[in-house]
């Protein structure tokens, strides 16, 4: 595994909050829009998750591990388990809803 992949795995395993893996590619225009949808929300102190940006071109092993078939994609992980997987553009509200739904179980 690459150093970048190792850092991503460490973020997942060492984070007490849910982790949002934001998968994107080098030349993916919708991925820029996806980043614009999540970045403002994730910078808020009350945002309940850690956002980790994953470039599928640089770390294909991470994309393969989480069954990412297209970009942009979002994988939500809590306590080491995938709790939601979104393909295509998704707003921060949908991601927050998935976090809240999982925490209420």
N, C-alpha and C. Protein backbone atom coordinates (compact mmCIF):
# COMPACT_ATOMS: atom_id res chain seq x y z
N UNK A 1 0.84 -1.17 0.00
CA UNK A 1 0.00 0.00 0.00
C UNK A 1 0.89 1.24 0.00
N UNK A 2 0.46 2.29 -0.69
CA UNK A 2 1.24 3.52 -0.76
C UNK A 2 1.17 4.28 0.57
N UNK A 3 2.09 5.24 0.74
CA UNK A 3 2.07 6.07 1.94
C UNK A 3 0.75 6.81 2.06
N UNK A 4 0.23 7.29 0.94
CA UNK A 4 -1.05 7.99 0.96
C UNK A 4 -2.16 7.06 1.41
N UNK A 5 -2.18 5.85 0.90
CA UNK A 5 -3.20 4.87 1.29
C UNK A 5 -3.06 4.55 2.77
N UNK A 6 -1.85 4.43 3.26
CA UNK A 6 -1.63 4.17 4.69
C UNK A 6 -2.17 5.32 5.53
N UNK A 7 -1.97 6.57 5.08
CA UNK A 7 -2.48 7.73 5.82
C UNK A 7 -4.01 7.73 5.84
N UNK A 8 -4.61 7.37 4.73
CA UNK A 8 -6.07 7.31 4.65
C UNK A 8 -6.60 6.25 5.60
N UNK A 9 -6.00 5.08 5.59
CA UNK A 9 -6.41 4.01 6.49
C UNK A 9 -6.25 4.43 7.96
N UNK A 10 -5.18 5.17 8.27
CA UNK A 10 -4.97 5.65 9.63
C UNK A 10 -6.07 6.64 10.02
N UNK A 11 -6.46 7.52 9.10
CA UNK A 11 -7.54 8.47 9.37
C UNK A 11 -8.83 7.72 9.72
N UNK A 12 -9.09 6.65 9.00
CA UNK A 12 -10.31 5.87 9.23
C UNK A 12 -10.25 5.17 10.59
N UNK A 13 -9.16 4.53 10.88
CA UNK A 13 -9.07 3.71 12.09
C UNK A 13 -8.86 4.53 13.36
N UNK A 14 -8.27 5.71 13.25
CA UNK A 14 -7.94 6.48 14.44
C UNK A 14 -8.92 7.60 14.75
N UNK A 15 -9.95 7.76 13.94
CA UNK A 15 -10.88 8.86 14.14
C UNK A 15 -12.07 8.42 14.96
N UNK A 16 -12.40 9.19 15.97
CA UNK A 16 -13.56 8.87 16.81
C UNK A 16 -14.87 9.27 16.14
N UNK A 17 -14.81 10.25 15.25
CA UNK A 17 -16.01 10.68 14.53
C UNK A 17 -16.17 9.82 13.29
N UNK A 18 -17.36 9.81 12.70
CA UNK A 18 -17.52 9.15 11.40
C UNK A 18 -16.57 9.79 10.38
N UNK A 19 -16.18 9.02 9.39
CA UNK A 19 -15.27 9.49 8.35
C UNK A 19 -16.00 9.47 7.01
N UNK A 20 -15.91 10.57 6.30
CA UNK A 20 -16.48 10.67 4.96
C UNK A 20 -15.31 10.59 3.99
N UNK A 21 -15.27 9.51 3.21
CA UNK A 21 -14.26 9.40 2.15
C UNK A 21 -14.87 10.04 0.91
N UNK A 22 -14.25 11.10 0.44
CA UNK A 22 -14.72 11.81 -0.75
C UNK A 22 -13.81 11.42 -1.91
N UNK A 23 -14.30 10.52 -2.77
CA UNK A 23 -13.51 10.01 -3.89
C UNK A 23 -13.65 10.93 -5.10
N UNK A 24 -12.51 11.24 -5.72
CA UNK A 24 -12.50 12.11 -6.90
C UNK A 24 -11.35 11.69 -7.82
N UNK A 25 -11.35 12.28 -9.02
CA UNK A 25 -10.29 12.03 -9.99
C UNK A 25 -9.65 13.33 -10.43
N UNK A 26 -8.48 13.22 -11.07
CA UNK A 26 -7.73 14.40 -11.51
C UNK A 26 -8.52 15.29 -12.46
N UNK A 27 -9.21 14.71 -13.41
CA UNK A 27 -9.87 15.50 -14.46
C UNK A 27 -11.39 15.44 -14.37
N UNK A 28 -11.91 15.30 -13.18
CA UNK A 28 -13.33 15.12 -12.98
C UNK A 28 -13.97 16.46 -12.59
N UNK A 29 -14.69 17.07 -13.52
CA UNK A 29 -15.34 18.36 -13.25
C UNK A 29 -16.44 18.22 -12.19
N UNK A 30 -17.30 17.19 -12.24
CA UNK A 30 -18.30 17.06 -11.17
C UNK A 30 -17.67 16.90 -9.78
N UNK A 31 -16.45 16.38 -9.72
CA UNK A 31 -15.77 16.21 -8.43
C UNK A 31 -15.46 17.56 -7.79
N UNK A 32 -15.19 18.56 -8.60
CA UNK A 32 -14.96 19.91 -8.08
C UNK A 32 -16.24 20.43 -7.45
N UNK A 33 -17.36 20.19 -8.12
CA UNK A 33 -18.65 20.59 -7.58
C UNK A 33 -18.92 19.85 -6.28
N UNK A 34 -18.60 18.55 -6.24
CA UNK A 34 -18.80 17.76 -5.01
C UNK A 34 -18.01 18.36 -3.86
N UNK A 35 -16.78 18.71 -4.13
CA UNK A 35 -15.94 19.31 -3.09
C UNK A 35 -16.56 20.62 -2.60
N UNK A 36 -17.09 21.40 -3.53
CA UNK A 36 -17.75 22.67 -3.16
C UNK A 36 -19.00 22.44 -2.30
N UNK A 37 -19.65 21.30 -2.44
CA UNK A 37 -20.84 21.00 -1.65
C UNK A 37 -20.49 20.57 -0.22
N UNK A 38 -19.37 19.88 -0.05
CA UNK A 38 -19.01 19.37 1.28
C UNK A 38 -18.06 20.26 2.07
N UNK A 39 -17.13 20.91 1.40
CA UNK A 39 -16.09 21.66 2.10
C UNK A 39 -16.64 22.74 3.03
N UNK A 40 -17.59 23.58 2.62
CA UNK A 40 -18.08 24.60 3.56
C UNK A 40 -18.71 23.99 4.81
N UNK A 41 -19.47 22.93 4.65
CA UNK A 41 -20.12 22.29 5.80
C UNK A 41 -19.09 21.62 6.70
N UNK A 42 -18.12 20.95 6.10
CA UNK A 42 -17.16 20.19 6.90
C UNK A 42 -16.24 21.09 7.71
N UNK A 43 -16.12 22.36 7.33
CA UNK A 43 -15.29 23.29 8.08
C UNK A 43 -15.96 23.82 9.33
N UNK A 44 -17.24 23.56 9.48
CA UNK A 44 -17.98 24.05 10.66
C UNK A 44 -17.63 23.18 11.87
N UNK A 45 -17.36 23.81 13.02
CA UNK A 45 -16.97 23.03 14.22
C UNK A 45 -17.99 21.97 14.64
N UNK A 46 -19.26 22.19 14.35
CA UNK A 46 -20.29 21.23 14.76
C UNK A 46 -20.47 20.10 13.75
N UNK A 47 -19.76 20.12 12.62
CA UNK A 47 -19.91 19.07 11.62
C UNK A 47 -19.48 17.75 12.25
N UNK A 48 -20.34 16.72 12.20
CA UNK A 48 -20.10 15.51 12.98
C UNK A 48 -19.20 14.46 12.33
N UNK A 49 -18.42 14.84 11.32
CA UNK A 49 -17.59 13.84 10.65
C UNK A 49 -16.30 14.46 10.15
N UNK A 50 -15.33 13.61 9.91
CA UNK A 50 -14.05 14.01 9.32
C UNK A 50 -14.12 13.70 7.84
N UNK A 51 -13.82 14.68 6.99
CA UNK A 51 -13.82 14.47 5.54
C UNK A 51 -12.38 14.18 5.11
N UNK A 52 -12.22 13.07 4.40
CA UNK A 52 -10.92 12.67 3.87
C UNK A 52 -11.05 12.59 2.35
N UNK A 53 -10.25 13.39 1.67
CA UNK A 53 -10.27 13.43 0.21
C UNK A 53 -9.41 12.29 -0.33
N UNK A 54 -9.95 11.52 -1.28
CA UNK A 54 -9.25 10.37 -1.84
C UNK A 54 -9.23 10.49 -3.36
N UNK A 55 -8.04 10.66 -3.92
CA UNK A 55 -7.89 10.71 -5.37
C UNK A 55 -7.75 9.29 -5.89
N UNK A 56 -8.69 8.85 -6.70
CA UNK A 56 -8.68 7.46 -7.19
C UNK A 56 -7.50 7.18 -8.12
N UNK A 57 -6.96 8.23 -8.75
CA UNK A 57 -5.81 8.04 -9.62
C UNK A 57 -4.54 7.77 -8.81
N UNK A 58 -4.45 8.38 -7.62
CA UNK A 58 -3.26 8.24 -6.78
C UNK A 58 -3.34 7.05 -5.84
N UNK A 59 -4.57 6.66 -5.45
CA UNK A 59 -4.74 5.55 -4.49
C UNK A 59 -5.84 4.60 -4.97
N UNK A 60 -5.60 3.92 -6.08
CA UNK A 60 -6.63 3.03 -6.60
C UNK A 60 -6.97 1.88 -5.66
N UNK A 61 -6.04 1.51 -4.79
CA UNK A 61 -6.31 0.41 -3.86
C UNK A 61 -7.39 0.79 -2.85
N UNK A 62 -7.46 2.05 -2.47
CA UNK A 62 -8.51 2.50 -1.55
C UNK A 62 -9.85 2.50 -2.27
N UNK A 63 -9.86 3.00 -3.50
CA UNK A 63 -11.10 2.98 -4.29
C UNK A 63 -11.60 1.55 -4.48
N UNK A 64 -10.69 0.64 -4.75
CA UNK A 64 -11.07 -0.76 -4.93
C UNK A 64 -11.60 -1.36 -3.62
N UNK A 65 -10.95 -1.04 -2.53
CA UNK A 65 -11.38 -1.59 -1.23
C UNK A 65 -12.82 -1.19 -0.89
N UNK A 66 -13.20 0.05 -1.27
CA UNK A 66 -14.53 0.54 -0.96
C UNK A 66 -15.48 0.47 -2.15
N UNK A 67 -15.12 -0.33 -3.14
CA UNK A 67 -15.97 -0.62 -4.30
C UNK A 67 -16.45 0.63 -5.03
N UNK A 68 -15.56 1.59 -5.18
CA UNK A 68 -15.89 2.82 -5.91
C UNK A 68 -15.75 2.54 -7.39
N UNK A 69 -16.86 2.70 -8.11
CA UNK A 69 -16.89 2.41 -9.54
C UNK A 69 -16.86 3.67 -10.39
N UNK A 70 -17.24 4.81 -9.79
CA UNK A 70 -17.26 6.08 -10.53
C UNK A 70 -17.00 7.22 -9.56
N UNK A 71 -16.61 8.35 -10.12
CA UNK A 71 -16.39 9.54 -9.30
C UNK A 71 -17.28 10.65 -9.82
N UNK A 72 -17.73 11.52 -8.94
CA UNK A 72 -17.48 11.52 -7.51
C UNK A 72 -18.29 10.45 -6.79
N UNK A 73 -17.73 9.97 -5.70
CA UNK A 73 -18.41 9.03 -4.81
C UNK A 73 -18.08 9.40 -3.38
N UNK A 74 -19.02 9.11 -2.50
CA UNK A 74 -18.85 9.35 -1.07
C UNK A 74 -19.09 8.03 -0.35
N UNK A 75 -18.16 7.68 0.54
CA UNK A 75 -18.34 6.50 1.38
C UNK A 75 -18.28 7.00 2.82
N UNK A 76 -19.31 6.68 3.57
CA UNK A 76 -19.40 7.09 4.97
C UNK A 76 -19.06 5.90 5.85
N UNK A 77 -18.08 6.09 6.73
CA UNK A 77 -17.60 5.00 7.59
C UNK A 77 -17.74 5.42 9.05
N UNK A 78 -18.28 4.51 9.85
CA UNK A 78 -18.37 4.77 11.29
C UNK A 78 -17.99 3.48 12.01
N UNK A 79 -17.12 3.62 12.98
CA UNK A 79 -16.61 2.47 13.74
C UNK A 79 -16.05 1.39 12.82
N UNK A 80 -15.35 1.81 11.78
CA UNK A 80 -14.72 0.88 10.86
C UNK A 80 -15.64 0.21 9.85
N UNK A 81 -16.93 0.55 9.88
CA UNK A 81 -17.89 -0.08 8.96
C UNK A 81 -18.46 0.95 7.99
N UNK A 82 -18.65 0.52 6.75
CA UNK A 82 -19.30 1.37 5.77
C UNK A 82 -20.78 1.43 6.09
N UNK A 83 -21.30 2.65 6.31
CA UNK A 83 -22.71 2.79 6.64
C UNK A 83 -23.51 3.42 5.52
N UNK A 84 -22.82 4.03 4.55
CA UNK A 84 -23.52 4.60 3.39
C UNK A 84 -22.53 4.76 2.25
N UNK A 85 -23.05 4.64 1.04
CA UNK A 85 -22.25 4.81 -0.17
C UNK A 85 -23.09 5.60 -1.17
N UNK A 86 -22.58 6.75 -1.58
CA UNK A 86 -23.26 7.60 -2.55
C UNK A 86 -22.43 7.68 -3.81
N UNK A 87 -23.05 7.52 -4.97
CA UNK A 87 -22.38 7.72 -6.25
C UNK A 87 -22.97 8.95 -6.91
N UNK A 88 -22.12 9.76 -7.51
CA UNK A 88 -22.58 11.00 -8.12
C UNK A 88 -22.58 12.12 -7.09
N UNK A 89 -23.09 13.26 -7.49
CA UNK A 89 -23.11 14.42 -6.60
C UNK A 89 -24.09 14.20 -5.46
N UNK A 90 -23.67 14.59 -4.27
CA UNK A 90 -24.52 14.48 -3.09
C UNK A 90 -24.28 15.72 -2.23
N UNK A 91 -25.35 16.26 -1.68
CA UNK A 91 -25.21 17.45 -0.84
C UNK A 91 -24.86 17.05 0.59
N UNK A 92 -24.35 18.01 1.35
CA UNK A 92 -23.94 17.76 2.73
C UNK A 92 -25.12 17.31 3.58
N UNK A 93 -26.32 17.82 3.28
CA UNK A 93 -27.51 17.43 4.05
C UNK A 93 -27.80 15.95 3.96
N UNK A 94 -27.62 15.36 2.79
CA UNK A 94 -27.86 13.93 2.62
C UNK A 94 -26.84 13.11 3.42
N UNK A 95 -25.61 13.57 3.42
CA UNK A 95 -24.57 12.88 4.18
C UNK A 95 -24.86 12.99 5.67
N UNK A 96 -25.25 14.18 6.12
CA UNK A 96 -25.60 14.38 7.53
C UNK A 96 -26.77 13.51 7.93
N UNK A 97 -27.76 13.39 7.06
CA UNK A 97 -28.91 12.53 7.35
C UNK A 97 -28.49 11.08 7.54
N UNK A 98 -27.57 10.61 6.71
CA UNK A 98 -27.08 9.23 6.83
C UNK A 98 -26.35 9.03 8.15
N UNK A 99 -25.57 10.03 8.57
CA UNK A 99 -24.86 9.94 9.85
C UNK A 99 -25.87 9.88 11.00
N UNK A 100 -26.82 10.79 10.98
CA UNK A 100 -27.83 10.85 12.05
C UNK A 100 -28.67 9.59 12.10
N UNK A 101 -29.04 9.07 10.93
CA UNK A 101 -29.85 7.85 10.89
C UNK A 101 -29.08 6.68 11.51
N UNK A 102 -27.80 6.57 11.20
CA UNK A 102 -26.99 5.49 11.74
C UNK A 102 -26.80 5.64 13.25
N UNK A 103 -26.63 6.86 13.73
CA UNK A 103 -26.41 7.09 15.15
C UNK A 103 -27.67 6.86 15.97
N UNK A 104 -28.83 6.93 15.33
CA UNK A 104 -30.07 6.71 16.06
C UNK A 104 -30.44 5.23 16.17
N UNK A 105 -29.66 4.37 15.54
CA UNK A 105 -29.94 2.92 15.58
C UNK A 105 -29.47 2.32 16.89
